[in-house]
C-alpha atoms as a PDB file:
ATOM      1  CA  MET A   1      89.363   9.069  -3.121  1.00  0.00           C
ATOM      2  CA  HIS A   2      89.648   6.713  -6.053  1.00  0.00           C
ATOM      3  CA  SER A   3      89.138   3.739  -3.720  1.00  0.00           C
ATOM      4  CA  PHE A   4      86.002   5.378  -2.263  1.00  0.00           C
ATOM      5  CA  ILE A   5      84.583   6.033  -5.760  1.00  0.00           C
ATOM      6  CA  ARG A   6      85.327   2.463  -6.837  1.00  0.00           C
ATOM      7  CA  LYS A   7      83.646   0.989  -3.731  1.00  0.00           C
ATOM      8  CA  SER A   8      80.655   3.315  -4.118  1.00  0.00           C
ATOM      9  CA  SER A   9      80.281   2.252  -7.730  1.00  0.00           C
ATOM     10  CA  LEU A  10      80.330  -1.430  -6.745  1.00  0.00           C
ATOM     11  CA  LEU A  11      77.750  -0.808  -4.007  1.00  0.00           C
ATOM     12  CA  THR A  12      75.472   1.061  -6.413  1.00  0.00           C
ATOM     13  CA  SER A  13      75.710  -1.755  -8.951  1.00  0.00           C
ATOM     14  CA  ALA A  14      74.843  -4.318  -6.289  1.00  0.00           C
ATOM     15  CA  LEU A  15      71.829  -2.319  -5.117  1.00  0.00           C
ATOM     16  CA  CYS A  16      70.619  -1.998  -8.690  1.00  0.00           C
ATOM     17  CA  LEU A  17      70.864  -5.745  -9.141  1.00  0.00           C
ATOM     18  CA  LEU A  18      68.903  -6.346  -5.938  1.00  0.00           C
ATOM     19  CA  ALA A  19      66.252  -3.858  -7.018  1.00  0.00           C
ATOM     20  CA  THR A  20      65.776  -5.450 -10.433  1.00  0.00           C
ATOM     21  CA  PRO A  21      62.461  -7.323 -10.471  1.00  0.00           C
ATOM     22  CA  ALA A  22      62.381 -11.013 -11.351  1.00  0.00           C
ATOM     23  CA  PHE A  23      60.394 -11.425 -14.536  1.00  0.00           C
ATOM     24  CA  ALA A  24      57.882 -14.236 -14.740  1.00  0.00           C
ATOM     25  CA  ALA A  25      58.381 -16.729 -17.532  1.00  0.00           C
ATOM     26  CA  ASN A  26      55.754 -17.859 -20.019  1.00  0.00           C
ATOM     27  CA  PHE A  27      55.477 -21.443 -21.217  1.00  0.00           C
ATOM     28  CA  THR A  28      53.482 -22.773 -24.154  1.00  0.00           C
ATOM     29  CA  VAL A  29      51.401 -25.953 -24.272  1.00  0.00           C
ATOM     30  CA  THR A  30      49.798 -26.923 -27.582  1.00  0.00           C
ATOM     31  CA  SER A  31      46.813 -29.157 -28.247  1.00  0.00           C
ATOM     32  CA  GLY A  32      45.709 -30.875 -31.427  1.00  0.00           C
ATOM     33  CA  GLY A  33      47.866 -30.829 -34.509  1.00  0.00           C
ATOM     34  CA  GLY A  34      46.866 -34.304 -35.642  1.00  0.00           C
ATOM     35  CA  THR A  35      46.679 -36.252 -32.377  1.00  0.00           C
ATOM     36  CA  PRO A  36      44.615 -35.604 -29.212  1.00  0.00           C
ATOM     37  CA  VAL A  37      47.472 -34.816 -26.817  1.00  0.00           C
ATOM     38  CA  PHE A  38      48.916 -31.843 -24.977  1.00  0.00           C
ATOM     39  CA  ARG A  39      52.549 -30.992 -25.791  1.00  0.00           C
ATOM     40  CA  PRO A  40      54.302 -31.035 -23.406  1.00  0.00           C
ATOM     41  CA  SER A  41      51.980 -32.967 -21.124  1.00  0.00           C
ATOM     42  CA  SER A  42      53.937 -31.962 -18.010  1.00  0.00           C
ATOM     43  CA  LEU A  43      55.640 -28.722 -16.998  1.00  0.00           C
ATOM     44  CA  THR A  44      57.531 -27.527 -13.930  1.00  0.00           C
ATOM     45  CA  ILE A  45      57.432 -23.768 -13.390  1.00  0.00           C
ATOM     46  CA  ASP A  46      57.891 -21.137 -10.677  1.00  0.00           C
ATOM     47  CA  PRO A  47      55.141 -19.204  -8.833  1.00  0.00           C
ATOM     48  CA  GLY A  48      53.974 -16.284 -10.950  1.00  0.00           C
ATOM     49  CA  ASP A  49      54.843 -17.937 -14.253  1.00  0.00           C
ATOM     50  CA  THR A  50      52.213 -18.238 -16.966  1.00  0.00           C
ATOM     51  CA  VAL A  51      51.230 -21.029 -19.330  1.00  0.00           C
ATOM     52  CA  THR A  52      49.744 -20.203 -22.727  1.00  0.00           C
ATOM     53  CA  PHE A  53      47.560 -23.010 -24.020  1.00  0.00           C
ATOM     54  CA  THR A  54      47.295 -22.930 -27.827  1.00  0.00           C
ATOM     55  CA  ASN A  55      45.023 -25.115 -29.937  1.00  0.00           C
ATOM     56  CA  LEU A  56      46.428 -26.015 -33.353  1.00  0.00           C
ATOM     57  CA  SER A  57      43.458 -27.996 -34.668  1.00  0.00           C
ATOM     58  CA  GLY A  58      40.572 -30.211 -33.591  1.00  0.00           C
ATOM     59  CA  PRO A  59      37.828 -29.799 -30.953  1.00  0.00           C
ATOM     60  CA  HIS A  60      39.691 -29.131 -27.711  1.00  0.00           C
ATOM     61  CA  ASN A  61      39.695 -27.048 -24.569  1.00  0.00           C
ATOM     62  CA  VAL A  62      41.700 -27.141 -21.355  1.00  0.00           C
ATOM     63  CA  VAL A  63      39.987 -27.582 -17.986  1.00  0.00           C
ATOM     64  CA  SER A  64      41.513 -27.542 -14.516  1.00  0.00           C
ATOM     65  CA  ASN A  65      40.821 -30.695 -12.494  1.00  0.00           C
ATOM     66  CA  ALA A  66      40.114 -28.512  -9.457  1.00  0.00           C
ATOM     67  CA  GLY A  67      37.894 -26.052 -11.289  1.00  0.00           C
ATOM     68  CA  SER A  68      40.163 -23.002 -11.255  1.00  0.00           C
ATOM     69  CA  PHE A  69      40.048 -22.455 -15.035  1.00  0.00           C
ATOM     70  CA  ARG A  70      38.257 -23.651 -18.177  1.00  0.00           C
ATOM     71  CA  CYS A  71      39.786 -22.210 -21.324  1.00  0.00           C
ATOM     72  CA  ALA A  72      39.536 -22.172 -25.095  1.00  0.00           C
ATOM     73  CA  ALA A  73      38.851 -18.822 -26.790  1.00  0.00           C
ATOM     74  CA  GLY A  74      39.013 -17.212 -23.353  1.00  0.00           C
ATOM     75  CA  CYS A  75      38.583 -18.619 -19.880  1.00  0.00           C
ATOM     76  CA  ASP A  76      35.277 -19.069 -18.077  1.00  0.00           C
ATOM     77  CA  GLY A  77      35.575 -17.936 -14.492  1.00  0.00           C
ATOM     78  CA  VAL A  78      38.933 -16.240 -15.112  1.00  0.00           C
ATOM     79  CA  GLY A  79      37.696 -13.337 -17.153  1.00  0.00           C
ATOM     80  CA  ASN A  80      35.508 -12.761 -20.160  1.00  0.00           C
ATOM     81  CA  GLY A  81      35.527 -15.416 -22.828  1.00  0.00           C
ATOM     82  CA  ASN A  82      34.274 -18.823 -23.828  1.00  0.00           C
ATOM     83  CA  GLY A  83      35.924 -21.919 -22.391  1.00  0.00           C
ATOM     84  CA  ASN A  84      33.777 -24.328 -24.405  1.00  0.00           C
ATOM     85  CA  VAL A  85      35.383 -26.927 -26.656  1.00  0.00           C
ATOM     86  CA  SER A  86      36.477 -25.212 -29.863  1.00  0.00           C
ATOM     87  CA  ALA A  87      37.946 -26.558 -33.103  1.00  0.00           C
ATOM     88  CA  THR A  88      39.258 -23.160 -34.161  1.00  0.00           C
ATOM     89  CA  LEU A  89      42.753 -21.841 -33.573  1.00  0.00           C
ATOM     90  CA  TRP A  90      42.670 -20.365 -30.065  1.00  0.00           C
ATOM     91  CA  SER A  91      45.098 -19.308 -27.395  1.00  0.00           C
ATOM     92  CA  SER A  92      44.568 -18.508 -23.696  1.00  0.00           C
ATOM     93  CA  THR A  93      47.020 -17.749 -20.897  1.00  0.00           C
ATOM     94  CA  VAL A  94      46.714 -18.883 -17.268  1.00  0.00           C
ATOM     95  CA  VAL A  95      48.765 -17.516 -14.343  1.00  0.00           C
ATOM     96  CA  PHE A  96      49.971 -20.028 -11.743  1.00  0.00           C
ATOM     97  CA  ASN A  97      50.730 -18.262  -8.448  1.00  0.00           C
ATOM     98  CA  THR A  98      50.354 -21.077  -5.917  1.00  0.00           C
ATOM     99  CA  PRO A  99      52.858 -23.921  -5.408  1.00  0.00           C
ATOM    100  CA  GLY A 100      51.552 -27.421  -6.033  1.00  0.00           C
ATOM    101  CA  GLU A 101      50.595 -29.816  -8.803  1.00  0.00           C
ATOM    102  CA  PHE A 102      47.726 -28.769 -11.073  1.00  0.00           C
ATOM    103  CA  GLY A 103      46.089 -31.254 -13.389  1.00  0.00           C
ATOM    104  CA  TYR A 104      44.086 -30.348 -16.473  1.00  0.00           C
ATOM    105  CA  PHE A 105      42.312 -32.158 -19.308  1.00  0.00           C
ATOM    106  CA  CYS A 106      40.266 -31.723 -22.498  1.00  0.00           C
ATOM    107  CA  GLU A 107      36.535 -32.198 -21.937  1.00  0.00           C
ATOM    108  CA  HIS A 108      36.081 -33.656 -25.422  1.00  0.00           C
ATOM    109  CA  HIS A 109      38.844 -36.247 -25.126  1.00  0.00           C
ATOM    110  CA  GLY A 110      39.134 -37.265 -21.505  1.00  0.00           C
ATOM    111  CA  SER A 111      38.455 -36.774 -17.858  1.00  0.00           C
ATOM    112  CA  PRO A 112      40.695 -35.903 -14.873  1.00  0.00           C
ATOM    113  CA  GLY A 113      43.733 -38.190 -15.075  1.00  0.00           C
ATOM    114  CA  SER A 114      42.725 -40.083 -18.215  1.00  0.00           C
ATOM    115  CA  GLY A 115      42.553 -39.550 -21.970  1.00  0.00           C
ATOM    116  CA  MET A 116      43.898 -36.141 -23.012  1.00  0.00           C
ATOM    117  CA  PHE A 117      45.358 -34.587 -19.877  1.00  0.00           C
ATOM    118  CA  GLY A 118      48.440 -32.937 -18.436  1.00  0.00           C
ATOM    119  CA  THR A 119      49.946 -31.422 -15.294  1.00  0.00           C
ATOM    120  CA  VAL A 120      51.629 -28.184 -14.295  1.00  0.00           C
ATOM    121  CA  THR A 121      53.886 -28.393 -11.234  1.00  0.00           C
ATOM    122  CA  VAL A 122      54.611 -25.076  -9.518  1.00  0.00           C
ATOM    123  CA  ARG A 123      57.756 -25.160  -7.391  1.00  0.00           C
ATOM    124  CA  GLY A 124      57.495 -24.458  -3.670  1.00  0.00           C
ATOM    125  CA  THR A 125      55.527 -25.780  -0.730  1.00  0.00           C
ATOM    126  CA  ALA A 126      51.920 -26.414  -1.677  1.00  0.00           C
ATOM    127  CA  PRO A 127      49.084 -25.630   0.743  1.00  0.00           C
ATOM    128  CA  PRO A 128      47.411 -28.759   2.105  1.00  0.00           C
ATOM    129  CA  PRO A 129      44.459 -29.978   0.018  1.00  0.00           C
ATOM    130  CA  PRO A 130      41.087 -30.485   1.684  1.00  0.00           C
ATOM    131  CA  SER A 131      41.484 -33.600   3.791  1.00  0.00           C
ATOM    132  CA  ASN A 132      37.755 -34.205   3.889  1.00  0.00           C
ATOM    133  CA  LEU A 133      34.437 -32.656   2.942  1.00  0.00           C
ATOM    134  CA  SER A 134      33.157 -31.852   6.400  1.00  0.00           C
ATOM    135  CA  PRO A 135      29.931 -29.977   7.293  1.00  0.00           C
ATOM    136  CA  GLY A 136      31.604 -26.683   6.385  1.00  0.00           C
ATOM    137  CA  TYR A 137      30.947 -27.494   2.708  1.00  0.00           C
ATOM    138  CA  THR A 138      27.181 -27.496   3.198  1.00  0.00           C
ATOM    139  CA  GLY A 139      25.416 -24.645   1.395  1.00  0.00           C
ATOM    140  CA  ALA A 140      24.417 -23.317  -2.014  1.00  0.00           C
ATOM    141  CA  TRP A 141      26.909 -23.420  -4.895  1.00  0.00           C
ATOM    142  CA  TYR A 142      26.735 -22.011  -8.423  1.00  0.00           C
ATOM    143  CA  ASN A 143      28.693 -20.933 -11.496  1.00  0.00           C
ATOM    144  CA  PRO A 144      28.904 -17.094 -11.490  1.00  0.00           C
ATOM    145  CA  ALA A 145      29.153 -17.108 -15.305  1.00  0.00           C
ATOM    146  CA  GLN A 146      25.784 -18.922 -15.485  1.00  0.00           C
ATOM    147  CA  ASP A 147      23.726 -17.236 -12.782  1.00  0.00           C
ATOM    148  CA  GLY A 148      20.235 -18.807 -12.814  1.00  0.00           C
ATOM    149  CA  HIS A 149      20.948 -22.432 -11.968  1.00  0.00           C
ATOM    150  CA  GLY A 150      22.824 -23.951  -9.060  1.00  0.00           C
ATOM    151  CA  LEU A 151      23.097 -26.648  -6.427  1.00  0.00           C
ATOM    152  CA  PHE A 152      22.353 -27.263  -2.784  1.00  0.00           C
ATOM    153  CA  VAL A 153      24.952 -29.455  -1.102  1.00  0.00           C
ATOM    154  CA  GLU A 154      24.647 -31.062   2.320  1.00  0.00           C
ATOM    155  CA  ILE A 155      27.282 -33.100   4.136  1.00  0.00           C
ATOM    156  CA  LEU A 156      25.796 -35.956   6.182  1.00  0.00           C
ATOM    157  CA  PRO A 157      27.359 -38.305   8.753  1.00  0.00           C
ATOM    158  CA  ASN A 158      29.408 -41.309   7.631  1.00  0.00           C
ATOM    159  CA  ASN A 159      31.061 -39.464   4.711  1.00  0.00           C
ATOM    160  CA  VAL A 160      27.917 -39.020   2.620  1.00  0.00           C
ATOM    161  CA  MET A 161      27.002 -36.000   0.520  1.00  0.00           C
ATOM    162  CA  VAL A 162      23.532 -35.092  -0.796  1.00  0.00           C
ATOM    163  CA  ALA A 163      23.201 -32.724  -3.754  1.00  0.00           C
ATOM    164  CA  ALA A 164      20.272 -31.213  -5.641  1.00  0.00           C
ATOM    165  CA  TRP A 165      20.944 -29.484  -8.965  1.00  0.00           C
ATOM    166  CA  TYR A 166      18.236 -27.004  -9.944  1.00  0.00           C
ATOM    167  CA  VAL A 167      18.792 -26.616 -13.670  1.00  0.00           C
ATOM    168  CA  TYR A 168      16.958 -26.713 -17.018  1.00  0.00           C
ATOM    169  CA  GLY A 169      16.320 -29.415 -19.601  1.00  0.00           C
ATOM    170  CA  PRO A 170      17.800 -29.529 -23.128  1.00  0.00           C
ATOM    171  CA  GLU A 171      14.497 -28.334 -24.596  1.00  0.00           C
ATOM    172  CA  GLY A 172      13.690 -25.894 -21.782  1.00  0.00           C
ATOM    173  CA  GLY A 173      11.653 -26.371 -18.640  1.00  0.00           C
ATOM    174  CA  GLN A 174      12.995 -27.093 -15.194  1.00  0.00           C
ATOM    175  CA  SER A 175      15.021 -30.190 -14.352  1.00  0.00           C
ATOM    176  CA  TRP A 176      15.771 -31.143 -10.765  1.00  0.00           C
ATOM    177  CA  ILE A 177      18.599 -33.655 -10.538  1.00  0.00           C
ATOM    178  CA  VAL A 178      19.231 -35.080  -7.082  1.00  0.00           C
ATOM    179  CA  GLY A 179      21.583 -37.690  -5.690  1.00  0.00           C
ATOM    180  CA  SER A 180      23.630 -38.891  -2.756  1.00  0.00           C
ATOM    181  CA  GLY A 181      26.974 -40.610  -2.646  1.00  0.00           C
ATOM    182  CA  ASN A 182      30.158 -41.322  -0.779  1.00  0.00           C
ATOM    183  CA  ILE A 183      32.910 -38.826   0.018  1.00  0.00           C
ATOM    184  CA  SER A 184      36.575 -39.662  -0.482  1.00  0.00           C
ATOM    185  CA  GLY A 185      38.960 -36.886   0.523  1.00  0.00           C
ATOM    186  CA  SER A 186      37.986 -33.772  -1.436  1.00  0.00           C
ATOM    187  CA  THR A 187      35.751 -35.666  -3.898  1.00  0.00           C
ATOM    188  CA  ALA A 188      32.169 -36.936  -3.761  1.00  0.00           C
ATOM    189  CA  THR A 189      30.589 -39.217  -6.367  1.00  0.00           C
ATOM    190  CA  MET A 190      26.952 -40.134  -6.875  1.00  0.00           C
ATOM    191  CA  ASN A 191      24.361 -41.081  -9.454  1.00  0.00           C
ATOM    192  CA  GLY A 192      21.832 -38.378 -10.265  1.00  0.00           C
ATOM    193  CA  THR A 193      18.087 -39.045 -10.486  1.00  0.00           C
ATOM    194  CA  LEU A 194      15.646 -36.960 -12.527  1.00  0.00           C
ATOM    195  CA  ALA A 195      12.048 -36.877 -11.242  1.00  0.00           C
ATOM    196  CA  THR A 196       9.188 -35.981 -13.618  1.00  0.00           C
ATOM    197  CA  GLY A 197       5.519 -36.689 -14.159  1.00  0.00           C
ATOM    198  CA  SER A 198       3.418 -35.242 -11.364  1.00  0.00           C
ATOM    199  CA  ARG A 199       1.787 -31.863 -10.759  1.00  0.00           C
ATOM    200  CA  PHE A 200       1.794 -29.022  -8.251  1.00  0.00           C
ATOM    201  CA  PRO A 201      -0.110 -29.567  -4.947  1.00  0.00           C
ATOM    202  CA  PRO A 202      -2.956 -30.104  -4.260  1.00  0.00           C
ATOM    203  CA  ASN A 203      -2.932 -32.087  -7.518  1.00  0.00           C
ATOM    204  CA  PHE A 204       0.268 -33.914  -6.611  1.00  0.00           C
ATOM    205  CA  ASN A 205       0.031 -37.694  -6.966  1.00  0.00           C
ATOM    206  CA  ALA A 206       3.018 -39.715  -5.816  1.00  0.00           C
ATOM    207  CA  SER A 207       2.079 -42.600  -8.115  1.00  0.00           C
ATOM    208  CA  GLU A 208       2.589 -40.338 -11.137  1.00  0.00           C
ATOM    209  CA  VAL A 209       6.227 -39.542 -10.290  1.00  0.00           C
ATOM    210  CA  VAL A 210       8.717 -41.075 -12.728  1.00  0.00           C
ATOM    211  CA  ARG A 211      12.277 -41.376 -11.450  1.00  0.00           C
ATOM    212  CA  THR A 212      14.885 -41.712 -14.185  1.00  0.00           C
ATOM    213  CA  SER A 213      18.534 -42.521 -13.612  1.00  0.00           C
ATOM    214  CA  TRP A 214      20.257 -39.424 -14.979  1.00  0.00           C
ATOM    215  CA  GLY A 215      23.936 -40.392 -14.818  1.00  0.00           C
ATOM    216  CA  PRO A 216      27.044 -39.921 -12.665  1.00  0.00           C
ATOM    217  CA  LEU A 217      27.941 -36.688 -10.876  1.00  0.00           C
ATOM    218  CA  THR A 218      31.389 -36.045  -9.424  1.00  0.00           C
ATOM    219  CA  PHE A 219      32.124 -33.087  -7.155  1.00  0.00           C
ATOM    220  CA  GLN A 220      35.753 -32.092  -6.709  1.00  0.00           C
ATOM    221  CA  PHE A 221      36.611 -29.244  -4.336  1.00  0.00           C
ATOM    222  CA  ALA A 222      39.820 -27.204  -4.341  1.00  0.00           C
ATOM    223  CA  ASP A 223      38.925 -25.474  -1.063  1.00  0.00           C
ATOM    224  CA  CYS A 224      35.935 -24.262   0.949  1.00  0.00           C
ATOM    225  CA  ASN A 225      34.825 -21.805  -1.718  1.00  0.00           C
ATOM    226  CA  ASN A 226      35.793 -23.357  -5.063  1.00  0.00           C
ATOM    227  CA  GLY A 227      35.185 -26.625  -6.838  1.00  0.00           C
ATOM    228  CA  ARG A 228      33.968 -28.256 -10.023  1.00  0.00           C
ATOM    229  CA  LEU A 229      31.073 -30.506 -10.959  1.00  0.00           C
ATOM    230  CA  PHE A 230      31.718 -33.202 -13.577  1.00  0.00           C
ATOM    231  CA  TYR A 231      28.697 -34.869 -15.166  1.00  0.00           C
ATOM    232  CA  ASN A 232      28.047 -37.546 -17.779  1.00  0.00           C
ATOM    233  CA  SER A 233      24.331 -37.964 -18.362  1.00  0.00           C
ATOM    234  CA  THR A 234      22.799 -41.121 -19.787  1.00  0.00           C
ATOM    235  CA  VAL A 235      19.600 -39.184 -20.632  1.00  0.00           C
ATOM    236  CA  THR A 236      19.358 -37.987 -24.236  1.00  0.00           C
ATOM    237  CA  GLY A 237      20.191 -34.331 -24.761  1.00  0.00           C
ATOM    238  CA  TYR A 238      22.097 -33.550 -21.582  1.00  0.00           C
ATOM    239  CA  GLY A 239      25.547 -34.785 -22.609  1.00  0.00           C
ATOM    240  CA  ALA A 240      28.759 -34.668 -20.584  1.00  0.00           C
ATOM    241  CA  GLY A 241      30.930 -31.856 -19.304  1.00  0.00           C
ATOM    242  CA  SER A 242      31.861 -29.880 -16.224  1.00  0.00           C
ATOM    243  CA  ILE A 243      31.141 -26.526 -14.613  1.00  0.00           C
ATOM    244  CA  PRO A 244      33.129 -24.519 -12.053  1.00  0.00           C
ATOM    245  CA  LEU A 245      31.450 -24.055  -8.690  1.00  0.00           C
ATOM    246  CA  THR A 246      31.674 -21.101  -6.321  1.00  0.00           C
ATOM    247  CA  ARG A 247      30.122 -20.994  -2.884  1.00  0.00           C
ATOM    248  CA  LEU A 248      26.993 -18.827  -2.732  1.00  0.00           C
ATOM    249  CA  THR A 249      25.828 -19.354   0.881  1.00  0.00           C
ATOM    250  CA  LEU A 250      27.123 -20.720   4.166  1.00  0.00           C
ATOM    251  CA  PRO A 251      24.599 -21.820   6.843  1.00  0.00           C
ATOM    252  CA  ALA A 252      24.402 -19.637   9.943  1.00  0.00           C
ATOM    253  CA  GLY A 253      26.696 -20.825  12.697  1.00  0.00           C
ATOM    254  CA  SER A 254      28.981 -22.721  10.301  1.00  0.00           C
ATOM    255  CA  ALA A 255      32.480 -21.960   9.129  1.00  0.00           C
ATOM    256  CA  CYS A 256      34.800 -23.662   6.693  1.00  0.00           C
ATOM    257  CA  ALA A 257      38.523 -23.549   7.376  1.00  0.00           C
ATOM    258  CA  PRO A 258      40.595 -23.139   4.200  1.00  0.00           C
ATOM    259  CA  GLY A 259      42.789 -26.175   3.578  1.00  0.00           C
ATOM    260  CA  ASN A 260      40.788 -28.817   5.393  1.00  0.00           C
ATOM    261  CA  GLY A 261      37.159 -27.798   5.340  1.00  0.00           C
ATOM    262  CA  VAL A 262      36.581 -28.596   9.000  1.00  0.00           C
ATOM    263  CA  ALA A 263      33.554 -26.820  10.430  1.00  0.00           C
ATOM    264  CA  GLU A 264      34.452 -24.522  13.283  1.00  0.00           C
END
């Protein structure tokens, strides 16, 4: 009897241990504090863990290279809040559920992979990144937090992408920024052109159109439905920055396979 009770007690203890949930860990990364760096600049964590980004001083934010988050006093696209660069003391937490390496940077002090940047490595087998931007990426894209402007993207033969950004100027009024450029893996780069000067048909006059070089545009896609646009305008008033992109439309008869973007 005593042996049975002892064995039952051991079995119960073992079952309780197996039933105990594994608690996710939280890690802290600070920015500012005298120098424009993230501390630590690299982390290795497990799926489900969280990272709390905390700004100590100076104008900083933290932006995912792939467009999955943009945080300062809150995270744009990941909930309510404001991911703009902020010099105030702020703190925002991001959950990392998917294995892989995730780069991030401060919009005010760098760009993906340069200046003020860091990486979070989530243990496990990462899903394959898009191997190419195939025709399945064609369609309309926008930032859900800024409904009212967006882009049309079209994938052409020979690894070329055309994009038209229907947006607004610094002082109001519509700005149409168009460009085309080469595709490399999951990224496309091009120089934008801003056209102004003419009038609505039938008063359109092609000789009145002024085409101004607007500055570089870089599109970086995480998958078939998510990406980020980086821009750095040479035209006064527009500035530099990035916005997350979410697919809005997919042309009839097209499909985009997650992981590689191949049209089916």
